[in-house]
Amino acid sequence: MFENFSLHLPKKENYFFPILTSGKIIKEKNQCFIPLSINLNHASTDAYHVSLFLENLQKDLNCF
């Protein structure tokens, strides 16, 4: 059974792409929940861009 996906890098301080880690989809009372973790390097990404990504992700998931 799928529980989660995780990516571990040996030298992640030099890795500038965001890393998304998701958990198992949980269904409760006509709603779906997906645990999500975002690891990023603040040299290349800031909270504003993460908030835009999460807003767009939520919009896409609402249409699904």
PDB file of N, CA and C in Angstrom:
ATOM      1  N   MET A   1       0.844  -1.177   0.000  1.00  0.00           N
ATOM      2  CA  MET A   1       0.000   0.000   0.000  1.00  0.00           C
ATOM      3  C   MET A   1       0.896   1.249   0.000  1.00  0.00           C
ATOM      4  N   PHE A   2       0.544   2.225  -0.814  1.00  0.00           N
ATOM      5  CA  PHE A   2       1.288   3.480  -0.896  1.00  0.00           C
ATOM      6  C   PHE A   2       1.065   4.313   0.358  1.00  0.00           C
ATOM      7  N   GLU A   3       2.130   4.724   1.009  1.00  0.00           N
ATOM      8  CA  GLU A   3       2.033   5.567   2.209  1.00  0.00           C
ATOM      9  C   GLU A   3       2.564   6.969   1.951  1.00  0.00           C
ATOM     10  N   ASN A   4       3.714   7.092   1.252  1.00  0.00           N
ATOM     11  CA  ASN A   4       4.253   8.417   0.959  1.00  0.00           C
ATOM     12  C   ASN A   4       5.348   8.322  -0.087  1.00  0.00           C
ATOM     13  N   PHE A   5       5.777   9.476  -0.560  1.00  0.00           N
ATOM     14  CA  PHE A   5       6.909   9.571  -1.471  1.00  0.00           C
ATOM     15  C   PHE A   5       7.872  10.570  -0.872  1.00  0.00           C
ATOM     16  N   SER A   6       9.152  10.231  -0.860  1.00  0.00           N
ATOM     17  CA  SER A   6      10.145  11.120  -0.288  1.00  0.00           C
ATOM     18  C   SER A   6      11.413  11.068  -1.125  1.00  0.00           C
ATOM     19  N   LEU A   7      12.065  12.204  -1.296  1.00  0.00           N
ATOM     20  CA  LEU A   7      13.293  12.296  -2.058  1.00  0.00           C
ATOM     21  C   LEU A   7      14.392  12.800  -1.132  1.00  0.00           C
ATOM     22  N   HIS A   8      15.455  12.040  -1.017  1.00  0.00           N
ATOM     23  CA  HIS A   8      16.575  12.428  -0.162  1.00  0.00           C
ATOM     24  C   HIS A   8      17.809  12.603  -1.024  1.00  0.00           C
ATOM     25  N   LEU A   9      18.438  13.759  -0.928  1.00  0.00           N
ATOM     26  CA  LEU A   9      19.614  14.069  -1.725  1.00  0.00           C
ATOM     27  C   LEU A   9      20.842  14.156  -0.831  1.00  0.00           C
ATOM     28  N   PRO A  10      21.976  13.671  -1.291  1.00  0.00           N
ATOM     29  CA  PRO A  10      23.171  13.678  -0.443  1.00  0.00           C
ATOM     30  C   PRO A  10      23.695  15.080  -0.128  1.00  0.00           C
ATOM     31  N   LYS A  11      23.622  16.011  -1.072  1.00  0.00           N
ATOM     32  CA  LYS A  11      24.126  17.378  -0.861  1.00  0.00           C
ATOM     33  C   LYS A  11      23.016  18.373  -1.149  1.00  0.00           C
ATOM     34  N   LYS A  12      21.947  18.321  -0.379  1.00  0.00           N
ATOM     35  CA  LYS A  12      20.798  19.144  -0.715  1.00  0.00           C
ATOM     36  C   LYS A  12      21.011  20.641  -0.466  1.00  0.00           C
ATOM     37  N   GLU A  13      22.072  21.034   0.239  1.00  0.00           N
ATOM     38  CA  GLU A  13      22.336  22.467   0.404  1.00  0.00           C
ATOM     39  C   GLU A  13      22.731  23.104  -0.925  1.00  0.00           C
ATOM     40  N   ASN A  14      23.189  22.302  -1.876  1.00  0.00           N
ATOM     41  CA  ASN A  14      23.539  22.799  -3.211  1.00  0.00           C
ATOM     42  C   ASN A  14      22.448  22.513  -4.233  1.00  0.00           C
ATOM     43  N   TYR A  15      21.301  22.054  -3.770  1.00  0.00           N
ATOM     44  CA  TYR A  15      20.178  21.718  -4.651  1.00  0.00           C
ATOM     45  C   TYR A  15      19.175  22.856  -4.576  1.00  0.00           C
ATOM     46  N   PHE A  16      18.890  23.495  -5.719  1.00  0.00           N
ATOM     47  CA  PHE A  16      18.080  24.704  -5.714  1.00  0.00           C
ATOM     48  C   PHE A  16      16.633  24.508  -6.159  1.00  0.00           C
ATOM     49  N   PHE A  17      16.261  23.303  -6.552  1.00  0.00           N
ATOM     50  CA  PHE A  17      14.874  23.057  -6.956  1.00  0.00           C
ATOM     51  C   PHE A  17      14.043  22.676  -5.732  1.00  0.00           C
ATOM     52  N   PRO A  18      12.776  23.097  -5.674  1.00  0.00           N
ATOM     53  CA  PRO A  18      11.915  22.680  -4.556  1.00  0.00           C
ATOM     54  C   PRO A  18      11.716  21.164  -4.576  1.00  0.00           C
ATOM     55  N   ILE A  19      11.629  20.580  -3.393  1.00  0.00           N
ATOM     56  CA  ILE A  19      11.364  19.153  -3.250  1.00  0.00           C
ATOM     57  C   ILE A  19       9.990  19.000  -2.609  1.00  0.00           C
ATOM     58  N   LEU A  20       9.075  18.339  -3.311  1.00  0.00           N
ATOM     59  CA  LEU A  20       7.731  18.097  -2.795  1.00  0.00           C
ATOM     60  C   LEU A  20       7.651  16.668  -2.281  1.00  0.00           C
ATOM     61  N   THR A  21       7.141  16.517  -1.072  1.00  0.00           N
ATOM     62  CA  THR A  21       6.924  15.207  -0.482  1.00  0.00           C
ATOM     63  C   THR A  21       5.443  15.086  -0.179  1.00  0.00           C
ATOM     64  N   SER A  22       4.808  14.069  -0.733  1.00  0.00           N
ATOM     65  CA  SER A  22       3.373  13.908  -0.508  1.00  0.00           C
ATOM     66  C   SER A  22       3.092  12.631   0.250  1.00  0.00           C
ATOM     67  N   GLY A  23       1.976  12.633   0.943  1.00  0.00           N
ATOM     68  CA  GLY A  23       1.557  11.460   1.696  1.00  0.00           C
ATOM     69  C   GLY A  23       0.380  10.776   1.034  1.00  0.00           C
ATOM     70  N   LYS A  24      -0.116   9.793   1.688  1.00  0.00           N
ATOM     71  CA  LYS A  24      -1.251   9.007   1.201  1.00  0.00           C
ATOM     72  C   LYS A  24      -2.519   9.868   1.179  1.00  0.00           C
ATOM     73  N   ILE A  25      -3.308   9.718   0.129  1.00  0.00           N
ATOM     74  CA  ILE A  25      -4.582  10.439   0.032  1.00  0.00           C
ATOM     75  C   ILE A  25      -5.536   9.871   1.080  1.00  0.00           C
ATOM     76  N   ILE A  26      -6.132  10.773   1.843  1.00  0.00           N
ATOM     77  CA  ILE A  26      -7.074  10.384   2.895  1.00  0.00           C
ATOM     78  C   ILE A  26      -8.455  10.876   2.496  1.00  0.00           C
ATOM     79  N   LYS A  27      -9.431   9.976   2.458  1.00  0.00           N
ATOM     80  CA  LYS A  27     -10.806  10.344   2.099  1.00  0.00           C
ATOM     81  C   LYS A  27     -11.672  10.327   3.351  1.00  0.00           C
ATOM     82  N   GLU A  28     -12.326  11.469   3.622  1.00  0.00           N
ATOM     83  CA  GLU A  28     -13.225  11.589   4.771  1.00  0.00           C
ATOM     84  C   GLU A  28     -14.433  12.423   4.388  1.00  0.00           C
ATOM     85  N   LYS A  29     -15.618  11.881   4.544  1.00  0.00           N
ATOM     86  CA  LYS A  29     -16.866  12.630   4.368  1.00  0.00           C
ATOM     87  C   LYS A  29     -16.871  13.478   3.093  1.00  0.00           C
ATOM     88  N   ASN A  30     -16.732  12.832   1.941  1.00  0.00           N
ATOM     89  CA  ASN A  30     -16.758  13.509   0.634  1.00  0.00           C
ATOM     90  C   ASN A  30     -15.626  14.514   0.438  1.00  0.00           C
ATOM     91  N   GLN A  31     -14.562  14.423   1.203  1.00  0.00           N
ATOM     92  CA  GLN A  31     -13.406  15.292   1.024  1.00  0.00           C
ATOM     93  C   GLN A  31     -12.153  14.426   0.925  1.00  0.00           C
ATOM     94  N   CYS A  32     -11.171  14.925   0.187  1.00  0.00           N
ATOM     95  CA  CYS A  32      -9.882  14.254   0.071  1.00  0.00           C
ATOM     96  C   CYS A  32      -8.802  15.158   0.638  1.00  0.00           C
ATOM     97  N   PHE A  33      -7.898  14.576   1.390  1.00  0.00           N
ATOM     98  CA  PHE A  33      -6.773  15.304   1.963  1.00  0.00           C
ATOM     99  C   PHE A  33      -5.481  14.656   1.476  1.00  0.00           C
ATOM    100  N   ILE A  34      -4.517  15.500   1.098  1.00  0.00           N
ATOM    101  CA  ILE A  34      -3.217  15.010   0.663  1.00  0.00           C
ATOM    102  C   ILE A  34      -2.148  15.738   1.479  1.00  0.00           C
ATOM    103  N   PRO A  35      -1.503  15.045   2.415  1.00  0.00           N
ATOM    104  CA  PRO A  35      -0.422  15.688   3.156  1.00  0.00           C
ATOM    105  C   PRO A  35       0.699  16.090   2.186  1.00  0.00           C
ATOM    106  N   LEU A  36       1.205  17.307   2.340  1.00  0.00           N
ATOM    107  CA  LEU A  36       2.222  17.813   1.429  1.00  0.00           C
ATOM    108  C   LEU A  36       3.270  18.595   2.208  1.00  0.00           C
ATOM    109  N   SER A  37       4.527  18.296   1.924  1.00  0.00           N
ATOM    110  CA  SER A  37       5.643  19.015   2.521  1.00  0.00           C
ATOM    111  C   SER A  37       6.487  19.596   1.393  1.00  0.00           C
ATOM    112  N   ILE A  38       6.961  20.825   1.570  1.00  0.00           N
ATOM    113  CA  ILE A  38       7.801  21.468   0.565  1.00  0.00           C
ATOM    114  C   ILE A  38       9.119  21.860   1.215  1.00  0.00           C
ATOM    115  N   ASN A  39      10.218  21.315   0.701  1.00  0.00           N
ATOM    116  CA  ASN A  39      11.562  21.700   1.138  1.00  0.00           C
ATOM    117  C   ASN A  39      12.182  22.520   0.025  1.00  0.00           C
ATOM    118  N   LEU A  40      12.735  23.672   0.393  1.00  0.00           N
ATOM    119  CA  LEU A  40      13.317  24.512  -0.646  1.00  0.00           C
ATOM    120  C   LEU A  40      14.525  25.251  -0.120  1.00  0.00           C
ATOM    121  N   ASN A  41      15.323  25.726  -1.044  1.00  0.00           N
ATOM    122  CA  ASN A  41      16.497  26.517  -0.726  1.00  0.00           C
ATOM    123  C   ASN A  41      16.096  27.989  -0.828  1.00  0.00           C
ATOM    124  N   HIS A  42      16.214  28.729   0.257  1.00  0.00           N
ATOM    125  CA  HIS A  42      15.773  30.125   0.273  1.00  0.00           C
ATOM    126  C   HIS A  42      16.624  31.031  -0.613  1.00  0.00           C
ATOM    127  N   ALA A  43      17.734  30.527  -1.123  1.00  0.00           N
ATOM    128  CA  ALA A  43      18.537  31.306  -2.062  1.00  0.00           C
ATOM    129  C   ALA A  43      17.849  31.409  -3.417  1.00  0.00           C
ATOM    130  N   SER A  44      16.942  30.469  -3.714  1.00  0.00           N
ATOM    131  CA  SER A  44      16.300  30.465  -5.032  1.00  0.00           C
ATOM    132  C   SER A  44      14.785  30.607  -4.988  1.00  0.00           C
ATOM    133  N   THR A  45      14.179  30.440  -3.834  1.00  0.00           N
ATOM    134  CA  THR A  45      12.721  30.468  -3.730  1.00  0.00           C
ATOM    135  C   THR A  45      12.320  31.208  -2.464  1.00  0.00           C
ATOM    136  N   ASP A  46      11.242  31.990  -2.559  1.00  0.00           N
ATOM    137  CA  ASP A  46      10.762  32.655  -1.348  1.00  0.00           C
ATOM    138  C   ASP A  46       9.316  32.266  -1.069  1.00  0.00           C
ATOM    139  N   ALA A  47       8.818  32.668   0.070  1.00  0.00           N
ATOM    140  CA  ALA A  47       7.484  32.273   0.519  1.00  0.00           C
ATOM    141  C   ALA A  47       6.388  32.794  -0.410  1.00  0.00           C
ATOM    142  N   TYR A  48       6.594  33.936  -1.034  1.00  0.00           N
ATOM    143  CA  TYR A  48       5.596  34.474  -1.956  1.00  0.00           C
ATOM    144  C   TYR A  48       5.346  33.504  -3.109  1.00  0.00           C
ATOM    145  N   HIS A  49       6.399  32.992  -3.704  1.00  0.00           N
ATOM    146  CA  HIS A  49       6.248  32.067  -4.819  1.00  0.00           C
ATOM    147  C   HIS A  49       5.651  30.734  -4.372  1.00  0.00           C
ATOM    148  N   VAL A  50       5.984  30.307  -3.176  1.00  0.00           N
ATOM    149  CA  VAL A  50       5.377  29.088  -2.632  1.00  0.00           C
ATOM    150  C   VAL A  50       3.880  29.301  -2.442  1.00  0.00           C
ATOM    151  N   SER A  51       3.480  30.464  -1.944  1.00  0.00           N
ATOM    152  CA  SER A  51       2.050  30.733  -1.747  1.00  0.00           C
ATOM    153  C   SER A  51       1.304  30.757  -3.076  1.00  0.00           C
ATOM    154  N   LEU A  52       1.911  31.307  -4.129  1.00  0.00           N
ATOM    155  CA  LEU A  52       1.285  31.288  -5.456  1.00  0.00           C
ATOM    156  C   LEU A  52       1.120  29.854  -5.954  1.00  0.00           C
ATOM    157  N   PHE A  53       2.158  29.046  -5.772  1.00  0.00           N
ATOM    158  CA  PHE A  53       2.084  27.641  -6.174  1.00  0.00           C
ATOM    159  C   PHE A  53       0.954  26.926  -5.436  1.00  0.00           C
ATOM    160  N   LEU A  54       0.864  27.115  -4.116  1.00  0.00           N
ATOM    161  CA  LEU A  54      -0.162  26.425  -3.328  1.00  0.00           C
ATOM    162  C   LEU A  54      -1.567  26.896  -3.692  1.00  0.00           C
ATOM    163  N   GLU A  55      -1.741  28.178  -3.963  1.00  0.00           N
ATOM    164  CA  GLU A  55      -3.052  28.681  -4.395  1.00  0.00           C
ATOM    165  C   GLU A  55      -3.465  28.045  -5.718  1.00  0.00           C
ATOM    166  N   ASN A  56      -2.548  27.975  -6.667  1.00  0.00           N
ATOM    167  CA  ASN A  56      -2.857  27.365  -7.962  1.00  0.00           C
ATOM    168  C   ASN A  56      -3.082  25.863  -7.840  1.00  0.00           C
ATOM    169  N   LEU A  57      -2.318  25.202  -6.998  1.00  0.00           N
ATOM    170  CA  LEU A  57      -2.522  23.776  -6.760  1.00  0.00           C
ATOM    171  C   LEU A  57      -3.910  23.528  -6.182  1.00  0.00           C
ATOM    172  N   GLN A  58      -4.322  24.335  -5.215  1.00  0.00           N
ATOM    173  CA  GLN A  58      -5.643  24.167  -4.613  1.00  0.00           C
ATOM    174  C   GLN A  58      -6.751  24.384  -5.640  1.00  0.00           C
ATOM    175  N   LYS A  59      -6.595  25.397  -6.501  1.00  0.00           N
ATOM    176  CA  LYS A  59      -7.581  25.633  -7.566  1.00  0.00           C
ATOM    177  C   LYS A  59      -7.681  24.430  -8.492  1.00  0.00           C
ATOM    178  N   ASP A  60      -6.541  23.871  -8.866  1.00  0.00           N
ATOM    179  CA  ASP A  60      -6.539  22.704  -9.747  1.00  0.00           C
ATOM    180  C   ASP A  60      -7.186  21.500  -9.065  1.00  0.00           C
ATOM    181  N   LEU A  61      -6.885  21.291  -7.805  1.00  0.00           N
ATOM    182  CA  LEU A  61      -7.463  20.160  -7.082  1.00  0.00           C
ATOM    183  C   LEU A  61      -8.961  20.321  -6.876  1.00  0.00           C
ATOM    184  N   ASN A  62      -9.422  21.571  -6.714  1.00  0.00           N
ATOM    185  CA  ASN A  62     -10.859  21.802  -6.556  1.00  0.00           C
ATOM    186  C   ASN A  62     -11.640  21.420  -7.819  1.00  0.00           C
ATOM    187  N   CYS A  63     -10.985  21.516  -8.978  1.00  0.00           N
ATOM    188  CA  CYS A  63     -11.632  21.181 -10.250  1.00  0.00           C
ATOM    189  C   CYS A  63     -11.554  19.692 -10.558  1.00  0.00           C
ATOM    190  N   PHE A  64     -10.780  18.956  -9.792  1.00  0.00           N
ATOM    191  CA  PHE A  64     -10.541  17.547 -10.075  1.00  0.00           C
ATOM    192  C   PHE A  64     -11.650  16.687  -9.630  1.00  0.00           C
TER     193      PHE A  64
END
